[in-house]
Amino acid sequence: WNRLCNVVEYSGIFDSEYRQPHSRCMENTRVALRKSITQVLDQRDRTNIWLNGLAGVGKTSIAFTIAEEMKAAKRLAATFFFSHKHAQKAAVIIPTIAYQL
């Protein structure tokens, strides 16, 4: 456990104190897209979503809001958020997810 804790990228966890301020959707925005993503996740055979798009279109806000909703519903297993602010290496993705599980 101690070895795992030493390689976790805490800033990759959606609600980490290292990722302040948390970017979330404003109330009553992106409603259709969030509903669509939730419907995909409700299918149970889909356990992850990959959002892509140009910089600044709101991917992080949408992903954070969905993660927050899934956590409240006790359906969130793990997250990994990439950030330009925090240097992250591919080698820390799996340990960070394992830490959350």
PDB file of N, CA and C in Angstrom:
ATOM      1  N   TRP A   1       0.821  -1.193   0.000  1.00  0.00           N
ATOM      2  CA  TRP A   1       0.000   0.000   0.000  1.00  0.00           C
ATOM      3  C   TRP A   1       0.866   1.258   0.000  1.00  0.00           C
ATOM      4  N   ASN A   2       1.900   1.261   0.825  1.00  0.00           N
ATOM      5  CA  ASN A   2       2.781   2.435   0.898  1.00  0.00           C
ATOM      6  C   ASN A   2       3.458   2.707  -0.441  1.00  0.00           C
ATOM      7  N   ARG A   3       3.879   1.649  -1.129  1.00  0.00           N
ATOM      8  CA  ARG A   3       4.514   1.831  -2.436  1.00  0.00           C
ATOM      9  C   ARG A   3       3.522   2.422  -3.436  1.00  0.00           C
ATOM     10  N   LEU A   4       2.280   1.940  -3.386  1.00  0.00           N
ATOM     11  CA  LEU A   4       1.260   2.463  -4.286  1.00  0.00           C
ATOM     12  C   LEU A   4       1.012   3.943  -4.009  1.00  0.00           C
ATOM     13  N   CYS A   5       0.902   4.293  -2.742  1.00  0.00           N
ATOM     14  CA  CYS A   5       0.649   5.692  -2.372  1.00  0.00           C
ATOM     15  C   CYS A   5       1.755   6.625  -2.836  1.00  0.00           C
ATOM     16  N   ASN A   6       2.960   6.097  -2.984  1.00  0.00           N
ATOM     17  CA  ASN A   6       4.092   6.921  -3.420  1.00  0.00           C
ATOM     18  C   ASN A   6       4.091   7.218  -4.911  1.00  0.00           C
ATOM     19  N   VAL A   7       3.322   6.468  -5.702  1.00  0.00           N
ATOM     20  CA  VAL A   7       3.319   6.691  -7.156  1.00  0.00           C
ATOM     21  C   VAL A   7       1.989   7.229  -7.673  1.00  0.00           C
ATOM     22  N   VAL A   8       1.032   7.432  -6.794  1.00  0.00           N
ATOM     23  CA  VAL A   8      -0.271   7.963  -7.198  1.00  0.00           C
ATOM     24  C   VAL A   8      -0.131   9.431  -7.596  1.00  0.00           C
ATOM     25  N   GLU A   9      -0.805   9.811  -8.673  1.00  0.00           N
ATOM     26  CA  GLU A   9      -0.874  11.208  -9.078  1.00  0.00           C
ATOM     27  C   GLU A   9      -2.188  11.751  -8.531  1.00  0.00           C
ATOM     28  N   TYR A  10      -2.138  12.303  -7.336  1.00  0.00           N
ATOM     29  CA  TYR A  10      -3.350  12.752  -6.650  1.00  0.00           C
ATOM     30  C   TYR A  10      -4.095  13.835  -7.423  1.00  0.00           C
ATOM     31  N   SER A  11      -3.395  14.629  -8.196  1.00  0.00           N
ATOM     32  CA  SER A  11      -4.062  15.676  -8.967  1.00  0.00           C
ATOM     33  C   SER A  11      -4.903  15.096 -10.102  1.00  0.00           C
ATOM     34  N   GLY A  12      -4.755  13.814 -10.398  1.00  0.00           N
ATOM     35  CA  GLY A  12      -5.557  13.167 -11.433  1.00  0.00           C
ATOM     36  C   GLY A  12      -6.922  12.713 -10.940  1.00  0.00           C
ATOM     37  N   ILE A  13      -7.132  12.712  -9.632  1.00  0.00           N
ATOM     38  CA  ILE A  13      -8.401  12.293  -9.049  1.00  0.00           C
ATOM     39  C   ILE A  13      -9.364  13.469  -9.100  1.00  0.00           C
ATOM     40  N   PHE A  14     -10.577  13.238  -9.550  1.00  0.00           N
ATOM     41  CA  PHE A  14     -11.471  14.347  -9.903  1.00  0.00           C
ATOM     42  C   PHE A  14     -11.722  15.342  -8.787  1.00  0.00           C
ATOM     43  N   ASP A  15     -11.862  14.897  -7.557  1.00  0.00           N
ATOM     44  CA  ASP A  15     -12.173  15.837  -6.478  1.00  0.00           C
ATOM     45  C   ASP A  15     -10.977  16.094  -5.555  1.00  0.00           C
ATOM     46  N   SER A  16      -9.801  15.919  -6.082  1.00  0.00           N
ATOM     47  CA  SER A  16      -8.574  16.096  -5.313  1.00  0.00           C
ATOM     48  C   SER A  16      -8.378  17.549  -4.887  1.00  0.00           C
ATOM     49  N   GLU A  17      -7.844  17.721  -3.705  1.00  0.00           N
ATOM     50  CA  GLU A  17      -7.520  19.081  -3.249  1.00  0.00           C
ATOM     51  C   GLU A  17      -6.411  19.694  -4.101  1.00  0.00           C
ATOM     52  N   TYR A  18      -5.688  18.864  -4.852  1.00  0.00           N
ATOM     53  CA  TYR A  18      -4.627  19.360  -5.730  1.00  0.00           C
ATOM     54  C   TYR A  18      -5.191  19.933  -7.028  1.00  0.00           C
ATOM     55  N   ARG A  19      -6.478  19.718  -7.290  1.00  0.00           N
ATOM     56  CA  ARG A  19      -7.129  20.213  -8.505  1.00  0.00           C
ATOM     57  C   ARG A  19      -8.126  21.302  -8.158  1.00  0.00           C
ATOM     58  N   GLN A  20      -7.703  22.361  -7.580  1.00  0.00           N
ATOM     59  CA  GLN A  20      -8.600  23.448  -7.187  1.00  0.00           C
ATOM     60  C   GLN A  20      -8.438  24.616  -8.157  1.00  0.00           C
ATOM     61  N   PRO A  21      -9.420  25.372  -8.486  1.00  0.00           N
ATOM     62  CA  PRO A  21     -10.821  25.102  -8.162  1.00  0.00           C
ATOM     63  C   PRO A  21     -11.377  24.027  -9.080  1.00  0.00           C
ATOM     64  N   HIS A  22     -12.387  23.319  -8.619  1.00  0.00           N
ATOM     65  CA  HIS A  22     -13.008  22.272  -9.420  1.00  0.00           C
ATOM     66  C   HIS A  22     -13.870  22.914 -10.501  1.00  0.00           C
ATOM     67  N   SER A  23     -13.691  22.442 -11.701  1.00  0.00           N
ATOM     68  CA  SER A  23     -14.435  22.966 -12.844  1.00  0.00           C
ATOM     69  C   SER A  23     -15.696  22.127 -13.021  1.00  0.00           C
ATOM     70  N   ARG A  24     -16.846  22.752 -12.913  1.00  0.00           N
ATOM     71  CA  ARG A  24     -18.093  22.004 -13.087  1.00  0.00           C
ATOM     72  C   ARG A  24     -19.037  22.790 -13.994  1.00  0.00           C
ATOM     73  N   CYS A  25     -20.025  22.086 -14.534  1.00  0.00           N
ATOM     74  CA  CYS A  25     -21.014  22.745 -15.383  1.00  0.00           C
ATOM     75  C   CYS A  25     -21.874  23.671 -14.533  1.00  0.00           C
ATOM     76  N   MET A  26     -22.200  24.802 -15.093  1.00  0.00           N
ATOM     77  CA  MET A  26     -23.132  25.706 -14.420  1.00  0.00           C
ATOM     78  C   MET A  26     -24.519  25.066 -14.443  1.00  0.00           C
ATOM     79  N   GLU A  27     -25.334  25.421 -13.481  1.00  0.00           N
ATOM     80  CA  GLU A  27     -26.669  24.849 -13.374  1.00  0.00           C
ATOM     81  C   GLU A  27     -27.448  25.049 -14.677  1.00  0.00           C
ATOM     82  N   ASN A  28     -28.141  24.002 -15.084  1.00  0.00           N
ATOM     83  CA  ASN A  28     -28.990  23.995 -16.288  1.00  0.00           C
ATOM     84  C   ASN A  28     -28.222  24.221 -17.586  1.00  0.00           C
ATOM     85  N   THR A  29     -26.937  23.838 -17.613  1.00  0.00           N
ATOM     86  CA  THR A  29     -26.164  23.892 -18.856  1.00  0.00           C
ATOM     87  C   THR A  29     -25.730  22.482 -19.228  1.00  0.00           C
ATOM     88  N   ARG A  30     -25.518  22.265 -20.492  1.00  0.00           N
ATOM     89  CA  ARG A  30     -25.077  20.964 -21.018  1.00  0.00           C
ATOM     90  C   ARG A  30     -26.010  19.830 -20.597  1.00  0.00           C
ATOM     91  N   VAL A  31     -27.282  20.149 -20.382  1.00  0.00           N
ATOM     92  CA  VAL A  31     -28.250  19.185 -19.856  1.00  0.00           C
ATOM     93  C   VAL A  31     -28.409  17.993 -20.794  1.00  0.00           C
ATOM     94  N   ALA A  32     -28.588  18.239 -22.085  1.00  0.00           N
ATOM     95  CA  ALA A  32     -28.803  17.154 -23.043  1.00  0.00           C
ATOM     96  C   ALA A  32     -27.567  16.259 -23.139  1.00  0.00           C
ATOM     97  N   LEU A  33     -26.397  16.854 -23.192  1.00  0.00           N
ATOM     98  CA  LEU A  33     -25.167  16.070 -23.276  1.00  0.00           C
ATOM     99  C   LEU A  33     -24.959  15.245 -22.006  1.00  0.00           C
ATOM    100  N   ARG A  34     -25.165  15.845 -20.854  1.00  0.00           N
ATOM    101  CA  ARG A  34     -25.008  15.117 -19.582  1.00  0.00           C
ATOM    102  C   ARG A  34     -26.011  13.975 -19.488  1.00  0.00           C
ATOM    103  N   LYS A  35     -27.234  14.209 -19.953  1.00  0.00           N
ATOM    104  CA  LYS A  35     -28.249  13.152 -19.940  1.00  0.00           C
ATOM    105  C   LYS A  35     -27.835  12.020 -20.874  1.00  0.00           C
ATOM    106  N   SER A  36     -27.315  12.363 -22.038  1.00  0.00           N
ATOM    107  CA  SER A  36     -26.855  11.359 -23.003  1.00  0.00           C
ATOM    108  C   SER A  36     -25.730  10.509 -22.419  1.00  0.00           C
ATOM    109  N   ILE A  37     -24.769  11.141 -21.762  1.00  0.00           N
ATOM    110  CA  ILE A  37     -23.652  10.412 -21.148  1.00  0.00           C
ATOM    111  C   ILE A  37     -24.168   9.501 -20.040  1.00  0.00           C
ATOM    112  N   THR A  38     -25.081  10.009 -19.220  1.00  0.00           N
ATOM    113  CA  THR A  38     -25.641   9.207 -18.133  1.00  0.00           C
ATOM    114  C   THR A  38     -26.403   8.011 -18.690  1.00  0.00           C
ATOM    115  N   GLN A  39     -27.132   8.193 -19.789  1.00  0.00           N
ATOM    116  CA  GLN A  39     -27.856   7.082 -20.412  1.00  0.00           C
ATOM    117  C   GLN A  39     -26.898   6.007 -20.906  1.00  0.00           C
ATOM    118  N   VAL A  40     -25.781   6.426 -21.471  1.00  0.00           N
ATOM    119  CA  VAL A  40     -24.766   5.457 -21.911  1.00  0.00           C
ATOM    120  C   VAL A  40     -24.232   4.685 -20.707  1.00  0.00           C
ATOM    121  N   LEU A  41     -23.938   5.386 -19.630  1.00  0.00           N
ATOM    122  CA  LEU A  41     -23.421   4.725 -18.429  1.00  0.00           C
ATOM    123  C   LEU A  41     -24.467   3.832 -17.772  1.00  0.00           C
ATOM    124  N   ASP A  42     -25.730   4.146 -17.938  1.00  0.00           N
ATOM    125  CA  ASP A  42     -26.803   3.325 -17.376  1.00  0.00           C
ATOM    126  C   ASP A  42     -26.933   1.980 -18.072  1.00  0.00           C
ATOM    127  N   GLN A  43     -26.354   1.835 -19.244  1.00  0.00           N
ATOM    128  CA  GLN A  43     -26.441   0.576 -19.983  1.00  0.00           C
ATOM    129  C   GLN A  43     -25.669  -0.552 -19.305  1.00  0.00           C
ATOM    130  N   ARG A  44     -24.821  -0.213 -18.354  1.00  0.00           N
ATOM    131  CA  ARG A  44     -24.042  -1.158 -17.540  1.00  0.00           C
ATOM    132  C   ARG A  44     -22.984  -1.933 -18.324  1.00  0.00           C
ATOM    133  N   ASP A  45     -23.103  -2.056 -19.625  1.00  0.00           N
ATOM    134  CA  ASP A  45     -22.033  -2.689 -20.387  1.00  0.00           C
ATOM    135  C   ASP A  45     -21.001  -1.654 -20.826  1.00  0.00           C
ATOM    136  N   ARG A  46     -21.301  -0.386 -20.564  1.00  0.00           N
ATOM    137  CA  ARG A  46     -20.370   0.707 -20.836  1.00  0.00           C
ATOM    138  C   ARG A  46     -19.902   1.245 -19.496  1.00  0.00           C
ATOM    139  N   THR A  47     -18.636   1.078 -19.211  1.00  0.00           N
ATOM    140  CA  THR A  47     -18.150   1.494 -17.895  1.00  0.00           C
ATOM    141  C   THR A  47     -17.247   2.713 -17.951  1.00  0.00           C
ATOM    142  N   ASN A  48     -16.946   3.186 -19.150  1.00  0.00           N
ATOM    143  CA  ASN A  48     -16.120   4.387 -19.231  1.00  0.00           C
ATOM    144  C   ASN A  48     -16.528   5.221 -20.438  1.00  0.00           C
ATOM    145  N   ILE A  49     -16.163   6.472 -20.353  1.00  0.00           N
ATOM    146  CA  ILE A  49     -16.467   7.443 -21.405  1.00  0.00           C
ATOM    147  C   ILE A  49     -15.177   8.202 -21.706  1.00  0.00           C
ATOM    148  N   TRP A  50     -14.931   8.431 -22.977  1.00  0.00           N
ATOM    149  CA  TRP A  50     -13.771   9.227 -23.384  1.00  0.00           C
ATOM    150  C   TRP A  50     -14.298  10.489 -24.051  1.00  0.00           C
ATOM    151  N   LEU A  51     -14.033  11.633 -23.452  1.00  0.00           N
ATOM    152  CA  LEU A  51     -14.437  12.909 -24.052  1.00  0.00           C
ATOM    153  C   LEU A  51     -13.258  13.502 -24.803  1.00  0.00           C
ATOM    154  N   ASN A  52     -13.504  13.966 -26.007  1.00  0.00           N
ATOM    155  CA  ASN A  52     -12.443  14.657 -26.727  1.00  0.00           C
ATOM    156  C   ASN A  52     -13.016  15.878 -27.429  1.00  0.00           C
ATOM    157  N   GLY A  53     -12.160  16.795 -27.741  1.00  0.00           N
ATOM    158  CA  GLY A  53     -12.591  18.016 -28.395  1.00  0.00           C
ATOM    159  C   GLY A  53     -11.523  19.086 -28.265  1.00  0.00           C
ATOM    160  N   LEU A  54     -11.772  20.215 -28.861  1.00  0.00           N
ATOM    161  CA  LEU A  54     -10.824  21.318 -28.825  1.00  0.00           C
ATOM    162  C   LEU A  54     -10.682  21.877 -27.411  1.00  0.00           C
ATOM    163  N   ALA A  55      -9.564  22.514 -27.176  1.00  0.00           N
ATOM    164  CA  ALA A  55      -9.326  23.141 -25.880  1.00  0.00           C
ATOM    165  C   ALA A  55     -10.383  24.199 -25.602  1.00  0.00           C
ATOM    166  N   GLY A  56     -10.871  24.212 -24.374  1.00  0.00           N
ATOM    167  CA  GLY A  56     -11.798  25.253 -23.957  1.00  0.00           C
ATOM    168  C   GLY A  56     -13.265  24.996 -24.240  1.00  0.00           C
ATOM    169  N   VAL A  57     -13.625  23.812 -24.747  1.00  0.00           N
ATOM    170  CA  VAL A  57     -15.036  23.558 -25.057  1.00  0.00           C
ATOM    171  C   VAL A  57     -15.822  23.016 -23.866  1.00  0.00           C
ATOM    172  N   GLY A  58     -15.145  22.717 -22.759  1.00  0.00           N
ATOM    173  CA  GLY A  58     -15.846  22.296 -21.555  1.00  0.00           C
ATOM    174  C   GLY A  58     -15.750  20.827 -21.201  1.00  0.00           C
ATOM    175  N   LYS A  59     -14.800  20.113 -21.792  1.00  0.00           N
ATOM    176  CA  LYS A  59     -14.660  18.679 -21.507  1.00  0.00           C
ATOM    177  C   LYS A  59     -14.449  18.404 -20.021  1.00  0.00           C
ATOM    178  N   THR A  60     -13.575  19.163 -19.395  1.00  0.00           N
ATOM    179  CA  THR A  60     -13.271  18.948 -17.978  1.00  0.00           C
ATOM    180  C   THR A  60     -14.489  19.247 -17.120  1.00  0.00           C
ATOM    181  N   SER A  61     -15.189  20.305 -17.412  1.00  0.00           N
ATOM    182  CA  SER A  61     -16.388  20.656 -16.636  1.00  0.00           C
ATOM    183  C   SER A  61     -17.449  19.574 -16.754  1.00  0.00           C
ATOM    184  N   ILE A  62     -17.654  19.074 -17.961  1.00  0.00           N
ATOM    185  CA  ILE A  62     -18.642  18.014 -18.174  1.00  0.00           C
ATOM    186  C   ILE A  62     -18.211  16.746 -17.432  1.00  0.00           C
ATOM    187  N   ALA A  63     -16.963  16.358 -17.597  1.00  0.00           N
ATOM    188  CA  ALA A  63     -16.474  15.138 -16.941  1.00  0.00           C
ATOM    189  C   ALA A  63     -16.526  15.259 -15.422  1.00  0.00           C
ATOM    190  N   PHE A  64     -16.166  16.414 -14.902  1.00  0.00           N
ATOM    191  CA  PHE A  64     -16.203  16.612 -13.453  1.00  0.00           C
ATOM    192  C   PHE A  64     -17.637  16.514 -12.946  1.00  0.00           C
ATOM    193  N   THR A  65     -18.558  17.146 -13.641  1.00  0.00           N
ATOM    194  CA  THR A  65     -19.960  17.131 -13.219  1.00  0.00           C
ATOM    195  C   THR A  65     -20.522  15.715 -13.256  1.00  0.00           C
ATOM    196  N   ILE A  66     -20.228  14.961 -14.307  1.00  0.00           N
ATOM    197  CA  ILE A  66     -20.684  13.572 -14.399  1.00  0.00           C
ATOM    198  C   ILE A  66     -20.061  12.743 -13.279  1.00  0.00           C
ATOM    199  N   ALA A  67     -18.763  12.930 -13.029  1.00  0.00           N
ATOM    200  CA  ALA A  67     -18.091  12.192 -11.949  1.00  0.00           C
ATOM    201  C   ALA A  67     -18.729  12.511 -10.602  1.00  0.00           C
ATOM    202  N   GLU A  68     -19.046  13.774 -10.391  1.00  0.00           N
ATOM    203  CA  GLU A  68     -19.689  14.198  -9.148  1.00  0.00           C
ATOM    204  C   GLU A  68     -21.061  13.524  -8.992  1.00  0.00           C
ATOM    205  N   GLU A  69     -21.822  13.477 -10.074  1.00  0.00           N
ATOM    206  CA  GLU A  69     -23.142  12.837 -10.048  1.00  0.00           C
ATOM    207  C   GLU A  69     -23.019  11.330  -9.807  1.00  0.00           C
ATOM    208  N   MET A  70     -22.045  10.697 -10.446  1.00  0.00           N
ATOM    209  CA  MET A  70     -21.845   9.262 -10.258  1.00  0.00           C
ATOM    210  C   MET A  70     -21.390   8.950  -8.832  1.00  0.00           C
ATOM    211  N   LYS A  71     -20.554   9.801  -8.277  1.00  0.00           N
ATOM    212  CA  LYS A  71     -20.112   9.598  -6.890  1.00  0.00           C
ATOM    213  C   LYS A  71     -21.290   9.728  -5.937  1.00  0.00           C
ATOM    214  N   ALA A  72     -22.140  10.716  -6.149  1.00  0.00           N
ATOM    215  CA  ALA A  72     -23.319  10.907  -5.296  1.00  0.00           C
ATOM    216  C   ALA A  72     -24.258   9.703  -5.378  1.00  0.00           C
ATOM    217  N   ALA A  73     -24.306   9.063  -6.548  1.00  0.00           N
ATOM    218  CA  ALA A  73     -25.153   7.887  -6.749  1.00  0.00           C
ATOM    219  C   ALA A  73     -24.428   6.597  -6.353  1.00  0.00           C
ATOM    220  N   LYS A  74     -23.220   6.725  -5.806  1.00  0.00           N
ATOM    221  CA  LYS A  74     -22.390   5.579  -5.410  1.00  0.00           C
ATOM    222  C   LYS A  74     -22.098   4.657  -6.598  1.00  0.00           C
ATOM    223  N   ARG A  75     -21.858   5.283  -7.769  1.00  0.00           N
ATOM    224  CA  ARG A  75     -21.558   4.533  -8.987  1.00  0.00           C
ATOM    225  C   ARG A  75     -20.191   4.875  -9.560  1.00  0.00           C
ATOM    226  N   LEU A  76     -19.401   5.653  -8.844  1.00  0.00           N
ATOM    227  CA  LEU A  76     -18.088   6.055  -9.354  1.00  0.00           C
ATOM    228  C   LEU A  76     -17.019   5.144  -8.766  1.00  0.00           C
ATOM    229  N   ALA A  77     -16.276   4.487  -9.626  1.00  0.00           N
ATOM    230  CA  ALA A  77     -15.186   3.633  -9.162  1.00  0.00           C
ATOM    231  C   ALA A  77     -13.886   4.425  -9.098  1.00  0.00           C
ATOM    232  N   ALA A  78     -13.526   5.080 -10.194  1.00  0.00           N
ATOM    233  CA  ALA A  78     -12.257   5.810 -10.238  1.00  0.00           C
ATOM    234  C   ALA A  78     -12.277   6.791 -11.400  1.00  0.00           C
ATOM    235  N   THR A  79     -11.412   7.786 -11.300  1.00  0.00           N
ATOM    236  CA  THR A  79     -11.266   8.773 -12.372  1.00  0.00           C
ATOM    237  C   THR A  79      -9.791   9.085 -12.562  1.00  0.00           C
ATOM    238  N   PHE A  80      -9.477   9.599 -13.734  1.00  0.00           N
ATOM    239  CA  PHE A  80      -8.155  10.166 -13.960  1.00  0.00           C
ATOM    240  C   PHE A  80      -8.325  11.359 -14.880  1.00  0.00           C
ATOM    241  N   PHE A  81      -7.988  12.528 -14.373  1.00  0.00           N
ATOM    242  CA  PHE A  81      -8.067  13.759 -15.134  1.00  0.00           C
ATOM    243  C   PHE A  81      -6.647  14.210 -15.477  1.00  0.00           C
ATOM    244  N   PHE A  82      -6.402  14.414 -16.764  1.00  0.00           N
ATOM    245  CA  PHE A  82      -5.130  14.971 -17.192  1.00  0.00           C
ATOM    246  C   PHE A  82      -5.177  16.482 -17.018  1.00  0.00           C
ATOM    247  N   SER A  83      -4.041  17.073 -16.777  1.00  0.00           N
ATOM    248  CA  SER A  83      -4.003  18.511 -16.552  1.00  0.00           C
ATOM    249  C   SER A  83      -2.697  19.089 -17.080  1.00  0.00           C
ATOM    250  N   HIS A  84      -2.792  20.245 -17.712  1.00  0.00           N
ATOM    251  CA  HIS A  84      -1.578  20.941 -18.137  1.00  0.00           C
ATOM    252  C   HIS A  84      -0.865  21.537 -16.931  1.00  0.00           C
ATOM    253  N   LYS A  85      -1.634  21.863 -15.917  1.00  0.00           N
ATOM    254  CA  LYS A  85      -1.077  22.492 -14.724  1.00  0.00           C
ATOM    255  C   LYS A  85      -0.202  21.528 -13.927  1.00  0.00           C
ATOM    256  N   HIS A  86      -0.600  20.276 -13.874  1.00  0.00           N
ATOM    257  CA  HIS A  86       0.149  19.258 -13.131  1.00  0.00           C
ATOM    258  C   HIS A  86       0.769  18.289 -14.129  1.00  0.00           C
ATOM    259  N   ALA A  87       2.068  18.244 -14.154  1.00  0.00           N
ATOM    260  CA  ALA A  87       2.766  17.343 -15.072  1.00  0.00           C
ATOM    261  C   ALA A  87       2.421  15.906 -14.703  1.00  0.00           C
ATOM    262  N   GLN A  88       1.947  15.153 -15.676  1.00  0.00           N
ATOM    263  CA  GLN A  88       1.561  13.772 -15.415  1.00  0.00           C
ATOM    264  C   GLN A  88       2.185  12.858 -16.449  1.00  0.00           C
ATOM    265  N   LYS A  89       2.564  11.688 -16.006  1.00  0.00           N
ATOM    266  CA  LYS A  89       3.172  10.693 -16.871  1.00  0.00           C
ATOM    267  C   LYS A  89       2.207   9.532 -17.026  1.00  0.00           C
ATOM    268  N   ALA A  90       2.254   8.868 -18.170  1.00  0.00           N
ATOM    269  CA  ALA A  90       1.375   7.730 -18.416  1.00  0.00           C
ATOM    270  C   ALA A  90       1.546   6.640 -17.355  1.00  0.00           C
ATOM    271  N   ALA A  91       2.739   6.520 -16.793  1.00  0.00           N
ATOM    272  CA  ALA A  91       3.023   5.463 -15.817  1.00  0.00           C
ATOM    273  C   ALA A  91       2.216   5.609 -14.527  1.00  0.00           C
ATOM    274  N   VAL A  92       1.618   6.760 -14.284  1.00  0.00           N
ATOM    275  CA  VAL A  92       0.876   6.957 -13.036  1.00  0.00           C
ATOM    276  C   VAL A  92      -0.625   6.711 -13.197  1.00  0.00           C
ATOM    277  N   ILE A  93      -1.106   6.485 -14.408  1.00  0.00           N
ATOM    278  CA  ILE A  93      -2.547   6.311 -14.613  1.00  0.00           C
ATOM    279  C   ILE A  93      -3.065   5.063 -13.892  1.00  0.00           C
ATOM    280  N   ILE A  94      -2.471   3.926 -14.150  1.00  0.00           N
ATOM    281  CA  ILE A  94      -2.954   2.666 -13.545  1.00  0.00           C
ATOM    282  C   ILE A  94      -2.809   2.690 -12.018  1.00  0.00           C
ATOM    283  N   PRO A  95      -1.667   3.112 -11.459  1.00  0.00           N
ATOM    284  CA  PRO A  95      -1.598   3.178  -9.995  1.00  0.00           C
ATOM    285  C   PRO A  95      -2.636   4.125  -9.382  1.00  0.00           C
ATOM    286  N   THR A  96      -2.920   5.232 -10.051  1.00  0.00           N
ATOM    287  CA  THR A  96      -3.901   6.185  -9.528  1.00  0.00           C
ATOM    288  C   THR A  96      -5.299   5.572  -9.541  1.00  0.00           C
ATOM    289  N   ILE A  97      -5.641   4.857 -10.583  1.00  0.00           N
ATOM    290  CA  ILE A  97      -6.941   4.176 -10.634  1.00  0.00           C
ATOM    291  C   ILE A  97      -6.990   3.062  -9.593  1.00  0.00           C
ATOM    292  N   ALA A  98      -5.927   2.283  -9.477  1.00  0.00           N
ATOM    293  CA  ALA A  98      -5.888   1.201  -8.475  1.00  0.00           C
ATOM    294  C   ALA A  98      -6.040   1.757  -7.064  1.00  0.00           C
ATOM    295  N   TYR A  99      -5.422   2.861  -6.787  1.00  0.00           N
ATOM    296  CA  TYR A  99      -5.509   3.508  -5.463  1.00  0.00           C
ATOM    297  C   TYR A  99      -6.965   3.831  -5.120  1.00  0.00           C
ATOM    298  N   GLN A 100      -7.721   4.297  -6.097  1.00  0.00           N
ATOM    299  CA  GLN A 100      -9.114   4.668  -5.848  1.00  0.00           C
ATOM    300  C   GLN A 100     -10.023   3.460  -5.675  1.00  0.00           C
ATOM    301  N   LEU A 101      -9.658   2.350  -6.290  1.00  0.00           N
ATOM    302  CA  LEU A 101     -10.487   1.148  -6.184  1.00  0.00           C
ATOM    303  C   LEU A 101     -10.309   0.512  -4.822  1.00  0.00           C
TER     304      LEU A 101
END
